[in-house]
Amino acid sequence: LLTYAIALEQGITKGFHAHLTLVINRSKHKSDYKIAEGVIDKWKEITFDKGFGRNINTTANKENYEKQGRLGIGDIRRTTPEQGNNALGAVAYLSDPDKYEQSLLVKPRGRKTFYKGDY
């Protein structure tokens, strides 16, 4: 794991939820999809099957983003600057102030709603 970002939100229809971004070393891990599935499985275990997750790292999502020129998930290569910019855009979604309608209705005292790795 190179770094991470977590945003806690509370939407009208989704209720309390979190968005998680993991940045991993591709030379050590071959499948971002499988890693995301493993995180979801662990979350289900931690929440005694009350929690769930959605893995956006599917082939269909990646193909769709690529057609739109917005591919910023999955295998991002340093040699393709637009992929890096798109990845930054995907992560920026986590801290977008325009998502005000999803801010927490009640914020736990002394807690943040956005966490990131300091690597």
PDB file of N, CA and C in Angstrom:
ATOM      1  N   LEU A   1       0.854  -1.177   0.000  1.00  0.00           N
ATOM      2  CA  LEU A   1       0.000   0.000   0.000  1.00  0.00           C
ATOM      3  C   LEU A   1       0.897   1.236   0.000  1.00  0.00           C
ATOM      4  N   LEU A   2       0.737   2.075  -1.011  1.00  0.00           N
ATOM      5  CA  LEU A   2       1.522   3.298  -1.089  1.00  0.00           C
ATOM      6  C   LEU A   2       0.855   4.433  -0.315  1.00  0.00           C
ATOM      7  N   THR A   3      -0.450   4.573  -0.463  1.00  0.00           N
ATOM      8  CA  THR A   3      -1.207   5.562   0.297  1.00  0.00           C
ATOM      9  C   THR A   3      -2.692   5.244   0.180  1.00  0.00           C
ATOM     10  N   TYR A   4      -3.518   6.008   0.867  1.00  0.00           N
ATOM     11  CA  TYR A   4      -4.958   5.771   0.856  1.00  0.00           C
ATOM     12  C   TYR A   4      -5.692   7.079   1.132  1.00  0.00           C
ATOM     13  N   ALA A   5      -6.990   7.072   0.864  1.00  0.00           N
ATOM     14  CA  ALA A   5      -7.868   8.183   1.233  1.00  0.00           C
ATOM     15  C   ALA A   5      -9.229   7.596   1.562  1.00  0.00           C
ATOM     16  N   ILE A   6      -9.846   8.108   2.611  1.00  0.00           N
ATOM     17  CA  ILE A   6     -11.187   7.675   3.031  1.00  0.00           C
ATOM     18  C   ILE A   6     -12.030   8.918   3.285  1.00  0.00           C
ATOM     19  N   ALA A   7     -13.217   8.936   2.701  1.00  0.00           N
ATOM     20  CA  ALA A   7     -14.159  10.029   2.939  1.00  0.00           C
ATOM     21  C   ALA A   7     -15.435   9.440   3.536  1.00  0.00           C
ATOM     22  N   LEU A   8     -15.852   9.956   4.683  1.00  0.00           N
ATOM     23  CA  LEU A   8     -17.091   9.529   5.318  1.00  0.00           C
ATOM     24  C   LEU A   8     -18.196  10.490   4.906  1.00  0.00           C
ATOM     25  N   GLU A   9     -19.325   9.930   4.503  1.00  0.00           N
ATOM     26  CA  GLU A   9     -20.445  10.743   4.042  1.00  0.00           C
ATOM     27  C   GLU A   9     -21.758  10.178   4.565  1.00  0.00           C
ATOM     28  N   GLN A  10     -22.792  10.995   4.464  1.00  0.00           N
ATOM     29  CA  GLN A  10     -24.129  10.565   4.850  1.00  0.00           C
ATOM     30  C   GLN A  10     -25.106  11.126   3.825  1.00  0.00           C
ATOM     31  N   GLY A  11     -25.538  10.277   2.909  1.00  0.00           N
ATOM     32  CA  GLY A  11     -26.452  10.711   1.864  1.00  0.00           C
ATOM     33  C   GLY A  11     -27.896  10.466   2.243  1.00  0.00           C
ATOM     34  N   ILE A  12     -28.783  11.144   1.554  1.00  0.00           N
ATOM     35  CA  ILE A  12     -30.214  10.996   1.830  1.00  0.00           C
ATOM     36  C   ILE A  12     -30.676   9.583   1.518  1.00  0.00           C
ATOM     37  N   THR A  13     -30.247   9.026   0.393  1.00  0.00           N
ATOM     38  CA  THR A  13     -30.697   7.686   0.012  1.00  0.00           C
ATOM     39  C   THR A  13     -29.751   6.584   0.472  1.00  0.00           C
ATOM     40  N   LYS A  14     -28.446   6.857   0.530  1.00  0.00           N
ATOM     41  CA  LYS A  14     -27.480   5.821   0.895  1.00  0.00           C
ATOM     42  C   LYS A  14     -27.195   5.767   2.389  1.00  0.00           C
ATOM     43  N   GLY A  15     -27.584   6.793   3.109  1.00  0.00           N
ATOM     44  CA  GLY A  15     -27.264   6.835   4.524  1.00  0.00           C
ATOM     45  C   GLY A  15     -25.767   7.003   4.733  1.00  0.00           C
ATOM     46  N   PHE A  16     -25.289   6.551   5.886  1.00  0.00           N
ATOM     47  CA  PHE A  16     -23.882   6.673   6.246  1.00  0.00           C
ATOM     48  C   PHE A  16     -23.059   5.726   5.390  1.00  0.00           C
ATOM     49  N   HIS A  17     -22.006   6.252   4.755  1.00  0.00           N
ATOM     50  CA  HIS A  17     -21.150   5.413   3.921  1.00  0.00           C
ATOM     51  C   HIS A  17     -19.761   6.035   3.811  1.00  0.00           C
ATOM     52  N   ALA A  18     -18.845   5.242   3.290  1.00  0.00           N
ATOM     53  CA  ALA A  18     -17.465   5.699   3.123  1.00  0.00           C
ATOM     54  C   ALA A  18     -16.996   5.396   1.712  1.00  0.00           C
ATOM     55  N   HIS A  19     -16.162   6.281   1.184  1.00  0.00           N
ATOM     56  CA  HIS A  19     -15.483   6.056  -0.085  1.00  0.00           C
ATOM     57  C   HIS A  19     -14.018   5.795   0.251  1.00  0.00           C
ATOM     58  N   LEU A  20     -13.463   4.767  -0.343  1.00  0.00           N
ATOM     59  CA  LEU A  20     -12.083   4.377  -0.058  1.00  0.00           C
ATOM     60  C   LEU A  20     -11.291   4.311  -1.354  1.00  0.00           C
ATOM     61  N   THR A  21     -10.132   4.937  -1.343  1.00  0.00           N
ATOM     62  CA  THR A  21      -9.189   4.835  -2.452  1.00  0.00           C
ATOM     63  C   THR A  21      -7.895   4.253  -1.907  1.00  0.00           C
ATOM     64  N   LEU A  22      -7.401   3.222  -2.571  1.00  0.00           N
ATOM     65  CA  LEU A  22      -6.118   2.623  -2.215  1.00  0.00           C
ATOM     66  C   LEU A  22      -5.168   2.795  -3.388  1.00  0.00           C
ATOM     67  N   VAL A  23      -3.949   3.216  -3.107  1.00  0.00           N
ATOM     68  CA  VAL A  23      -2.922   3.302  -4.136  1.00  0.00           C
ATOM     69  C   VAL A  23      -1.909   2.214  -3.807  1.00  0.00           C
ATOM     70  N   ILE A  24      -1.802   1.251  -4.710  1.00  0.00           N
ATOM     71  CA  ILE A  24      -0.938   0.098  -4.477  1.00  0.00           C
ATOM     72  C   ILE A  24       0.168   0.046  -5.518  1.00  0.00           C
ATOM     73  N   ASN A  25       1.212  -0.701  -5.204  1.00  0.00           N
ATOM     74  CA  ASN A  25       2.328  -0.891  -6.116  1.00  0.00           C
ATOM     75  C   ASN A  25       1.962  -1.996  -7.100  1.00  0.00           C
ATOM     76  N   ARG A  26       1.788  -1.627  -8.352  1.00  0.00           N
ATOM     77  CA  ARG A  26       1.356  -2.571  -9.387  1.00  0.00           C
ATOM     78  C   ARG A  26       2.371  -3.688  -9.612  1.00  0.00           C
ATOM     79  N   SER A  27       3.637  -3.437  -9.343  1.00  0.00           N
ATOM     80  CA  SER A  27       4.638  -4.478  -9.562  1.00  0.00           C
ATOM     81  C   SER A  27       4.523  -5.594  -8.527  1.00  0.00           C
ATOM     82  N   LYS A  28       3.815  -5.332  -7.435  1.00  0.00           N
ATOM     83  CA  LYS A  28       3.666  -6.347  -6.381  1.00  0.00           C
ATOM     84  C   LYS A  28       2.272  -6.961  -6.341  1.00  0.00           C
ATOM     85  N   HIS A  29       1.300  -6.302  -6.963  1.00  0.00           N
ATOM     86  CA  HIS A  29      -0.082  -6.785  -6.954  1.00  0.00           C
ATOM     87  C   HIS A  29      -0.628  -6.714  -8.371  1.00  0.00           C
ATOM     88  N   LYS A  30      -1.183  -7.800  -8.840  1.00  0.00           N
ATOM     89  CA  LYS A  30      -1.588  -7.869 -10.241  1.00  0.00           C
ATOM     90  C   LYS A  30      -3.050  -7.502 -10.495  1.00  0.00           C
ATOM     91  N   SER A  31      -3.918  -7.589  -9.507  1.00  0.00           N
ATOM     92  CA  SER A  31      -5.338  -7.375  -9.779  1.00  0.00           C
ATOM     93  C   SER A  31      -5.960  -6.394  -8.798  1.00  0.00           C
ATOM     94  N   ASP A  32      -6.180  -5.163  -9.264  1.00  0.00           N
ATOM     95  CA  ASP A  32      -6.850  -4.170  -8.423  1.00  0.00           C
ATOM     96  C   ASP A  32      -8.270  -4.634  -8.093  1.00  0.00           C
ATOM     97  N   TYR A  33      -8.914  -5.314  -9.026  1.00  0.00           N
ATOM     98  CA  TYR A  33     -10.275  -5.810  -8.800  1.00  0.00           C
ATOM     99  C   TYR A  33     -10.301  -6.786  -7.618  1.00  0.00           C
ATOM    100  N   LYS A  34      -9.364  -7.725  -7.606  1.00  0.00           N
ATOM    101  CA  LYS A  34      -9.331  -8.723  -6.525  1.00  0.00           C
ATOM    102  C   LYS A  34      -8.982  -8.090  -5.180  1.00  0.00           C
ATOM    103  N   ILE A  35      -8.117  -7.102  -5.189  1.00  0.00           N
ATOM    104  CA  ILE A  35      -7.789  -6.412  -3.936  1.00  0.00           C
ATOM    105  C   ILE A  35      -9.029  -5.718  -3.394  1.00  0.00           C
ATOM    106  N   ALA A  36      -9.762  -5.037  -4.265  1.00  0.00           N
ATOM    107  CA  ALA A  36     -10.994  -4.360  -3.830  1.00  0.00           C
ATOM    108  C   ALA A  36     -12.008  -5.376  -3.303  1.00  0.00           C
ATOM    109  N   GLU A  37     -12.127  -6.514  -3.953  1.00  0.00           N
ATOM    110  CA  GLU A  37     -13.044  -7.562  -3.475  1.00  0.00           C
ATOM    111  C   GLU A  37     -12.613  -8.060  -2.098  1.00  0.00           C
ATOM    112  N   GLY A  38     -11.301  -8.177  -1.877  1.00  0.00           N
ATOM    113  CA  GLY A  38     -10.787  -8.590  -0.573  1.00  0.00           C
ATOM    114  C   GLY A  38     -11.116  -7.576   0.514  1.00  0.00           C
ATOM    115  N   VAL A  39     -11.027  -6.295   0.186  1.00  0.00           N
ATOM    116  CA  VAL A  39     -11.377  -5.236   1.150  1.00  0.00           C
ATOM    117  C   VAL A  39     -12.864  -5.331   1.493  1.00  0.00           C
ATOM    118  N   ILE A  40     -13.695  -5.532   0.477  1.00  0.00           N
ATOM    119  CA  ILE A  40     -15.139  -5.660   0.711  1.00  0.00           C
ATOM    120  C   ILE A  40     -15.436  -6.877   1.575  1.00  0.00           C
ATOM    121  N   ASP A  41     -14.783  -7.989   1.292  1.00  0.00           N
ATOM    122  CA  ASP A  41     -14.983  -9.197   2.106  1.00  0.00           C
ATOM    123  C   ASP A  41     -14.590  -8.947   3.561  1.00  0.00           C
ATOM    124  N   LYS A  42     -13.479  -8.250   3.782  1.00  0.00           N
ATOM    125  CA  LYS A  42     -13.032  -7.937   5.145  1.00  0.00           C
ATOM    126  C   LYS A  42     -14.050  -7.024   5.831  1.00  0.00           C
ATOM    127  N   TRP A  43     -14.579  -6.048   5.097  1.00  0.00           N
ATOM    128  CA  TRP A  43     -15.578  -5.137   5.660  1.00  0.00           C
ATOM    129  C   TRP A  43     -16.832  -5.910   6.085  1.00  0.00           C
ATOM    130  N   LYS A  44     -17.249  -6.858   5.249  1.00  0.00           N
ATOM    131  CA  LYS A  44     -18.410  -7.677   5.605  1.00  0.00           C
ATOM    132  C   LYS A  44     -18.129  -8.478   6.874  1.00  0.00           C
ATOM    133  N   GLU A  45     -16.918  -8.991   6.982  1.00  0.00           N
ATOM    134  CA  GLU A  45     -16.530  -9.753   8.182  1.00  0.00           C
ATOM    135  C   GLU A  45     -16.553  -8.846   9.416  1.00  0.00           C
ATOM    136  N   ILE A  46     -15.972  -7.667   9.303  1.00  0.00           N
ATOM    137  CA  ILE A  46     -15.910  -6.726  10.427  1.00  0.00           C
ATOM    138  C   ILE A  46     -17.305  -6.312  10.881  1.00  0.00           C
ATOM    139  N   THR A  47     -18.220  -6.130   9.923  1.00  0.00           N
ATOM    140  CA  THR A  47     -19.571  -5.653  10.242  1.00  0.00           C
ATOM    141  C   THR A  47     -20.563  -6.795  10.438  1.00  0.00           C
ATOM    142  N   PHE A  48     -20.063  -8.015  10.546  1.00  0.00           N
ATOM    143  CA  PHE A  48     -20.924  -9.191  10.718  1.00  0.00           C
ATOM    144  C   PHE A  48     -21.988  -9.255   9.628  1.00  0.00           C
ATOM    145  N   ASP A  49     -21.570  -9.036   8.400  1.00  0.00           N
ATOM    146  CA  ASP A  49     -22.411  -9.075   7.194  1.00  0.00           C
ATOM    147  C   ASP A  49     -23.507  -8.007   7.156  1.00  0.00           C
ATOM    148  N   LYS A  50     -23.377  -6.971   7.965  1.00  0.00           N
ATOM    149  CA  LYS A  50     -24.338  -5.864   7.921  1.00  0.00           C
ATOM    150  C   LYS A  50     -23.877  -4.780   6.935  1.00  0.00           C
ATOM    151  N   GLY A  51     -22.580  -4.728   6.654  1.00  0.00           N
ATOM    152  CA  GLY A  51     -22.047  -3.754   5.713  1.00  0.00           C
ATOM    153  C   GLY A  51     -21.934  -4.367   4.326  1.00  0.00           C
ATOM    154  N   PHE A  52     -21.798  -3.518   3.337  1.00  0.00           N
ATOM    155  CA  PHE A  52     -21.573  -4.013   1.985  1.00  0.00           C
ATOM    156  C   PHE A  52     -20.631  -3.054   1.272  1.00  0.00           C
ATOM    157  N   GLY A  53     -20.170  -3.462   0.131  1.00  0.00           N
ATOM    158  CA  GLY A  53     -19.265  -2.628  -0.639  1.00  0.00           C
ATOM    159  C   GLY A  53     -19.574  -2.731  -2.109  1.00  0.00           C
ATOM    160  N   ARG A  54     -19.100  -1.748  -2.840  1.00  0.00           N
ATOM    161  CA  ARG A  54     -19.257  -1.753  -4.286  1.00  0.00           C
ATOM    162  C   ARG A  54     -17.882  -1.522  -4.891  1.00  0.00           C
ATOM    163  N   ASN A  55     -17.484  -2.430  -5.727  1.00  0.00           N
ATOM    164  CA  ASN A  55     -16.178  -2.394  -6.378  1.00  0.00           C
ATOM    165  C   ASN A  55     -16.344  -1.761  -7.756  1.00  0.00           C
ATOM    166  N   ILE A  56     -15.786  -0.546  -7.942  1.00  0.00           N
ATOM    167  CA  ILE A  56     -15.909   0.105  -9.251  1.00  0.00           C
ATOM    168  C   ILE A  56     -14.803  -0.325 -10.212  1.00  0.00           C
ATOM    169  N   ASN A  57     -13.881  -1.151  -9.765  1.00  0.00           N
ATOM    170  CA  ASN A  57     -12.744  -1.552 -10.592  1.00  0.00           C
ATOM    171  C   ASN A  57     -13.093  -2.725 -11.511  1.00  0.00           C
ATOM    172  N   THR A  58     -14.257  -2.658 -12.134  1.00  0.00           N
ATOM    173  CA  THR A  58     -14.656  -3.705 -13.076  1.00  0.00           C
ATOM    174  C   THR A  58     -14.152  -3.356 -14.474  1.00  0.00           C
ATOM    175  N   THR A  59     -14.044  -4.360 -15.303  1.00  0.00           N
ATOM    176  CA  THR A  59     -13.625  -4.143 -16.683  1.00  0.00           C
ATOM    177  C   THR A  59     -14.606  -3.219 -17.395  1.00  0.00           C
ATOM    178  N   ALA A  60     -15.903  -3.410 -17.173  1.00  0.00           N
ATOM    179  CA  ALA A  60     -16.918  -2.571 -17.829  1.00  0.00           C
ATOM    180  C   ALA A  60     -16.760  -1.106 -17.431  1.00  0.00           C
ATOM    181  N   ASN A  61     -16.551  -0.827 -16.144  1.00  0.00           N
ATOM    182  CA  ASN A  61     -16.356   0.554 -15.700  1.00  0.00           C
ATOM    183  C   ASN A  61     -15.109   1.156 -16.329  1.00  0.00           C
ATOM    184  N   LYS A  62     -14.032   0.394 -16.345  1.00  0.00           N
ATOM    185  CA  LYS A  62     -12.780   0.901 -16.915  1.00  0.00           C
ATOM    186  C   LYS A  62     -12.940   1.199 -18.403  1.00  0.00           C
ATOM    187  N   GLU A  63     -13.620   0.310 -19.137  1.00  0.00           N
ATOM    188  CA  GLU A  63     -13.842   0.540 -20.564  1.00  0.00           C
ATOM    189  C   GLU A  63     -14.706   1.781 -20.779  1.00  0.00           C
ATOM    190  N   ASN A  64     -15.719   1.960 -19.949  1.00  0.00           N
ATOM    191  CA  ASN A  64     -16.598   3.121 -20.057  1.00  0.00           C
ATOM    192  C   ASN A  64     -15.828   4.420 -19.799  1.00  0.00           C
ATOM    193  N   TYR A  65     -15.031   4.436 -18.714  1.00  0.00           N
ATOM    194  CA  TYR A  65     -14.226   5.625 -18.410  1.00  0.00           C
ATOM    195  C   TYR A  65     -13.223   5.899 -19.531  1.00  0.00           C
ATOM    196  N   GLU A  66     -12.647   4.835 -20.080  1.00  0.00           N
ATOM    197  CA  GLU A  66     -11.658   5.019 -21.148  1.00  0.00           C
ATOM    198  C   GLU A  66     -12.310   5.623 -22.392  1.00  0.00           C
ATOM    199  N   LYS A  67     -13.505   5.162 -22.748  1.00  0.00           N
ATOM    200  CA  LYS A  67     -14.227   5.724 -23.900  1.00  0.00           C
ATOM    201  C   LYS A  67     -14.503   7.211 -23.704  1.00  0.00           C
ATOM    202  N   GLN A  68     -14.728   7.616 -22.458  1.00  0.00           N
ATOM    203  CA  GLN A  68     -15.015   9.020 -22.150  1.00  0.00           C
ATOM    204  C   GLN A  68     -13.732   9.844 -21.985  1.00  0.00           C
ATOM    205  N   GLY A  69     -12.573   9.175 -22.057  1.00  0.00           N
ATOM    206  CA  GLY A  69     -11.302   9.864 -21.841  1.00  0.00           C
ATOM    207  C   GLY A  69     -11.081  10.212 -20.379  1.00  0.00           C
ATOM    208  N   ARG A  70     -11.718   9.445 -19.461  1.00  0.00           N
ATOM    209  CA  ARG A  70     -11.651   9.750 -18.026  1.00  0.00           C
ATOM    210  C   ARG A  70     -11.091   8.591 -17.201  1.00  0.00           C
ATOM    211  N   LEU A  71     -10.389   7.645 -17.836  1.00  0.00           N
ATOM    212  CA  LEU A  71      -9.889   6.488 -17.093  1.00  0.00           C
ATOM    213  C   LEU A  71      -8.889   6.939 -16.038  1.00  0.00           C
ATOM    214  N   GLY A  72      -9.242   6.726 -14.769  1.00  0.00           N
ATOM    215  CA  GLY A  72      -8.380   7.114 -13.657  1.00  0.00           C
ATOM    216  C   GLY A  72      -8.406   6.091 -12.544  1.00  0.00           C
ATOM    217  N   ILE A  73      -8.875   4.876 -12.859  1.00  0.00           N
ATOM    218  CA  ILE A  73      -8.876   3.781 -11.888  1.00  0.00           C
ATOM    219  C   ILE A  73      -8.153   2.598 -12.509  1.00  0.00           C
ATOM    220  N   GLY A  74      -7.727   1.689 -11.672  1.00  0.00           N
ATOM    221  CA  GLY A  74      -7.038   0.511 -12.189  1.00  0.00           C
ATOM    222  C   GLY A  74      -5.560   0.764 -12.365  1.00  0.00           C
ATOM    223  N   ASP A  75      -5.017   0.223 -13.427  1.00  0.00           N
ATOM    224  CA  ASP A  75      -3.579   0.296 -13.711  1.00  0.00           C
ATOM    225  C   ASP A  75      -3.255   1.648 -14.352  1.00  0.00           C
ATOM    226  N   ILE A  76      -2.736   2.570 -13.558  1.00  0.00           N
ATOM    227  CA  ILE A  76      -2.391   3.905 -14.030  1.00  0.00           C
ATOM    228  C   ILE A  76      -0.887   3.939 -14.285  1.00  0.00           C
ATOM    229  N   ARG A  77      -0.512   4.300 -15.480  1.00  0.00           N
ATOM    230  CA  ARG A  77       0.901   4.312 -15.862  1.00  0.00           C
ATOM    231  C   ARG A  77       1.482   5.719 -15.824  1.00  0.00           C
ATOM    232  N   ARG A  78       2.685   5.817 -15.286  1.00  0.00           N
ATOM    233  CA  ARG A  78       3.370   7.114 -15.237  1.00  0.00           C
ATOM    234  C   ARG A  78       3.635   7.685 -16.620  1.00  0.00           C
ATOM    235  N   THR A  79       3.755   6.798 -17.588  1.00  0.00           N
ATOM    236  CA  THR A  79       4.070   7.233 -18.952  1.00  0.00           C
ATOM    237  C   THR A  79       2.853   7.796 -19.682  1.00  0.00           C
ATOM    238  N   THR A  80       1.699   7.739 -19.052  1.00  0.00           N
ATOM    239  CA  THR A  80       0.468   8.264 -19.652  1.00  0.00           C
ATOM    240  C   THR A  80      -0.069   9.359 -18.732  1.00  0.00           C
ATOM    241  N   PRO A  81       0.410  10.602 -18.920  1.00  0.00           N
ATOM    242  CA  PRO A  81       0.043  11.692 -18.000  1.00  0.00           C
ATOM    243  C   PRO A  81      -1.464  11.896 -17.830  1.00  0.00           C
ATOM    244  N   GLU A  82      -2.244  11.710 -18.908  1.00  0.00           N
ATOM    245  CA  GLU A  82      -3.687  11.926 -18.763  1.00  0.00           C
ATOM    246  C   GLU A  82      -4.321  10.933 -17.795  1.00  0.00           C
ATOM    247  N   GLN A  83      -3.790   9.715 -17.699  1.00  0.00           N
ATOM    248  CA  GLN A  83      -4.304   8.758 -16.720  1.00  0.00           C
ATOM    249  C   GLN A  83      -4.020   9.247 -15.305  1.00  0.00           C
ATOM    250  N   GLY A  84      -2.840   9.810 -15.085  1.00  0.00           N
ATOM    251  CA  GLY A  84      -2.512  10.354 -13.771  1.00  0.00           C
ATOM    252  C   GLY A  84      -3.431  11.500 -13.399  1.00  0.00           C
ATOM    253  N   ASN A  85      -3.691  12.388 -14.368  1.00  0.00           N
ATOM    254  CA  ASN A  85      -4.616  13.493 -14.113  1.00  0.00           C
ATOM    255  C   ASN A  85      -6.020  12.982 -13.826  1.00  0.00           C
ATOM    256  N   ASN A  86      -6.443  11.960 -14.570  1.00  0.00           N
ATOM    257  CA  ASN A  86      -7.765  11.375 -14.332  1.00  0.00           C
ATOM    258  C   ASN A  86      -7.830  10.715 -12.954  1.00  0.00           C
ATOM    259  N   ALA A  87      -6.747  10.074 -12.539  1.00  0.00           N
ATOM    260  CA  ALA A  87      -6.711   9.455 -11.206  1.00  0.00           C
ATOM    261  C   ALA A  87      -6.830  10.524 -10.125  1.00  0.00           C
ATOM    262  N   LEU A  88      -6.143  11.646 -10.319  1.00  0.00           N
ATOM    263  CA  LEU A  88      -6.265  12.747  -9.356  1.00  0.00           C
ATOM    264  C   LEU A  88      -7.697  13.263  -9.315  1.00  0.00           C
ATOM    265  N   GLY A  89      -8.341  13.313 -10.472  1.00  0.00           N
ATOM    266  CA  GLY A  89      -9.743  13.734 -10.523  1.00  0.00           C
ATOM    267  C   GLY A  89     -10.652  12.769  -9.786  1.00  0.00           C
ATOM    268  N   ALA A  90     -10.378  11.473  -9.917  1.00  0.00           N
ATOM    269  CA  ALA A  90     -11.190  10.467  -9.221  1.00  0.00           C
ATOM    270  C   ALA A  90     -11.032  10.604  -7.708  1.00  0.00           C
ATOM    271  N   VAL A  91      -9.821  10.846  -7.249  1.00  0.00           N
ATOM    272  CA  VAL A  91      -9.577  11.009  -5.818  1.00  0.00           C
ATOM    273  C   VAL A  91     -10.151  12.335  -5.318  1.00  0.00           C
ATOM    274  N   ALA A  92     -10.093  13.370  -6.155  1.00  0.00           N
ATOM    275  CA  ALA A  92     -10.636  14.674  -5.761  1.00  0.00           C
ATOM    276  C   ALA A  92     -12.133  14.584  -5.472  1.00  0.00           C
ATOM    277  N   TYR A  93     -12.796  13.635  -6.102  1.00  0.00           N
ATOM    278  CA  TYR A  93     -14.225  13.420  -5.852  1.00  0.00           C
ATOM    279  C   TYR A  93     -14.487  13.180  -4.363  1.00  0.00           C
ATOM    280  N   LEU A  94     -13.537  12.538  -3.701  1.00  0.00           N
ATOM    281  CA  LEU A  94     -13.718  12.217  -2.278  1.00  0.00           C
ATOM    282  C   LEU A  94     -13.843  13.464  -1.410  1.00  0.00           C
ATOM    283  N   SER A  95     -13.152  14.518  -1.785  1.00  0.00           N
ATOM    284  CA  SER A  95     -13.146  15.720  -0.947  1.00  0.00           C
ATOM    285  C   SER A  95     -13.841  16.897  -1.619  1.00  0.00           C
ATOM    286  N   ASP A  96     -14.700  16.615  -2.575  1.00  0.00           N
ATOM    287  CA  ASP A  96     -15.391  17.663  -3.321  1.00  0.00           C
ATOM    288  C   ASP A  96     -16.366  18.425  -2.420  1.00  0.00           C
ATOM    289  N   PRO A  97     -16.142  19.724  -2.207  1.00  0.00           N
ATOM    290  CA  PRO A  97     -17.035  20.486  -1.331  1.00  0.00           C
ATOM    291  C   PRO A  97     -18.437  20.651  -1.916  1.00  0.00           C
ATOM    292  N   ASP A  98     -18.600  20.425  -3.227  1.00  0.00           N
ATOM    293  CA  ASP A  98     -19.922  20.531  -3.843  1.00  0.00           C
ATOM    294  C   ASP A  98     -20.832  19.365  -3.463  1.00  0.00           C
ATOM    295  N   LYS A  99     -20.273  18.364  -2.797  1.00  0.00           N
ATOM    296  CA  LYS A  99     -21.093  17.236  -2.350  1.00  0.00           C
ATOM    297  C   LYS A  99     -21.686  17.535  -0.971  1.00  0.00           C
ATOM    298  N   TYR A 100     -22.033  18.784  -0.745  1.00  0.00           N
ATOM    299  CA  TYR A 100     -22.547  19.224   0.551  1.00  0.00           C
ATOM    300  C   TYR A 100     -23.751  18.387   0.996  1.00  0.00           C
ATOM    301  N   GLU A 101     -24.579  17.984   0.041  1.00  0.00           N
ATOM    302  CA  GLU A 101     -25.774  17.222   0.403  1.00  0.00           C
ATOM    303  C   GLU A 101     -25.434  15.854   0.988  1.00  0.00           C
ATOM    304  N   GLN A 102     -24.162  15.467   0.939  1.00  0.00           N
ATOM    305  CA  GLN A 102     -23.763  14.190   1.512  1.00  0.00           C
ATOM    306  C   GLN A 102     -22.896  14.359   2.754  1.00  0.00           C
ATOM    307  N   SER A 103     -22.778  15.586   3.261  1.00  0.00           N
ATOM    308  CA  SER A 103     -21.979  15.771   4.474  1.00  0.00           C
ATOM    309  C   SER A 103     -22.714  15.148   5.656  1.00  0.00           C
ATOM    310  N   LEU A 104     -21.951  14.802   6.667  1.00  0.00           N
ATOM    311  CA  LEU A 104     -22.550  14.147   7.828  1.00  0.00           C
ATOM    312  C   LEU A 104     -23.523  15.084   8.533  1.00  0.00           C
ATOM    313  N   LEU A 105     -24.685  14.570   8.863  1.00  0.00           N
ATOM    314  CA  LEU A 105     -25.670  15.367   9.586  1.00  0.00           C
ATOM    315  C   LEU A 105     -25.203  15.624  11.011  1.00  0.00           C
ATOM    316  N   VAL A 106     -24.548  14.626  11.583  1.00  0.00           N
ATOM    317  CA  VAL A 106     -23.983  14.751  12.922  1.00  0.00           C
ATOM    318  C   VAL A 106     -22.527  14.316  12.825  1.00  0.00           C
ATOM    319  N   LYS A 107     -21.616  15.199  13.165  1.00  0.00           N
ATOM    320  CA  LYS A 107     -20.192  14.865  13.116  1.00  0.00           C
ATOM    321  C   LYS A 107     -19.730  14.448  14.504  1.00  0.00           C
ATOM    322  N   PRO A 108     -19.115  13.277  14.590  1.00  0.00           N
ATOM    323  CA  PRO A 108     -18.594  12.834  15.892  1.00  0.00           C
ATOM    324  C   PRO A 108     -17.551  13.819  16.415  1.00  0.00           C
ATOM    325  N   ARG A 109     -17.694  14.223  17.643  1.00  0.00           N
ATOM    326  CA  ARG A 109     -16.771  15.188  18.241  1.00  0.00           C
ATOM    327  C   ARG A 109     -15.336  14.662  18.189  1.00  0.00           C
ATOM    328  N   GLY A 110     -14.451  15.519  17.751  1.00  0.00           N
ATOM    329  CA  GLY A 110     -13.032  15.154  17.701  1.00  0.00           C
ATOM    330  C   GLY A 110     -12.664  14.232  16.557  1.00  0.00           C
ATOM    331  N   ARG A 111     -13.570  14.014  15.643  1.00  0.00           N
ATOM    332  CA  ARG A 111     -13.298  13.116  14.507  1.00  0.00           C
ATOM    333  C   ARG A 111     -13.348  13.899  13.203  1.00  0.00           C
ATOM    334  N   LYS A 112     -12.627  13.388  12.218  1.00  0.00           N
ATOM    335  CA  LYS A 112     -12.631  13.998  10.893  1.00  0.00           C
ATOM    336  C   LYS A 112     -13.551  13.183   9.982  1.00  0.00           C
ATOM    337  N   THR A 113     -13.884  13.759   8.847  1.00  0.00           N
ATOM    338  CA  THR A 113     -14.671  13.028   7.852  1.00  0.00           C
ATOM    339  C   THR A 113     -13.824  12.650   6.643  1.00  0.00           C
ATOM    340  N   PHE A 114     -12.555  13.070   6.637  1.00  0.00           N
ATOM    341  CA  PHE A 114     -11.649  12.736   5.546  1.00  0.00           C
ATOM    342  C   PHE A 114     -10.306  12.347   6.131  1.00  0.00           C
ATOM    343  N   TYR A 115      -9.809  11.202   5.723  1.00  0.00           N
ATOM    344  CA  TYR A 115      -8.519  10.712   6.195  1.00  0.00           C
ATOM    345  C   TYR A 115      -7.671  10.381   4.981  1.00  0.00           C
ATOM    346  N   LYS A 116      -6.358  10.562   5.104  1.00  0.00           N
ATOM    347  CA  LYS A 116      -5.461  10.217   4.017  1.00  0.00           C
ATOM    348  C   LYS A 116      -4.141   9.723   4.588  1.00  0.00           C
ATOM    349  N   GLY A 117      -3.461   8.921   3.774  1.00  0.00           N
ATOM    350  CA  GLY A 117      -2.145   8.459   4.163  1.00  0.00           C
ATOM    351  C   GLY A 117      -1.128   9.551   4.013  1.00  0.00           C
ATOM    352  N   ASP A 118      -0.124   9.516   4.832  1.00  0.00           N
ATOM    353  CA  ASP A 118       0.941  10.526   4.792  1.00  0.00           C
ATOM    354  C   ASP A 118       2.237   9.933   4.285  1.00  0.00           C
ATOM    355  N   TYR A 119       2.158   9.204   3.195  1.00  0.00           N
ATOM    356  CA  TYR A 119       3.337   8.519   2.677  1.00  0.00           C
ATOM    357  C   TYR A 119       4.046   9.381   1.682  1.00  0.00           C
TER     358      TYR A 119
END
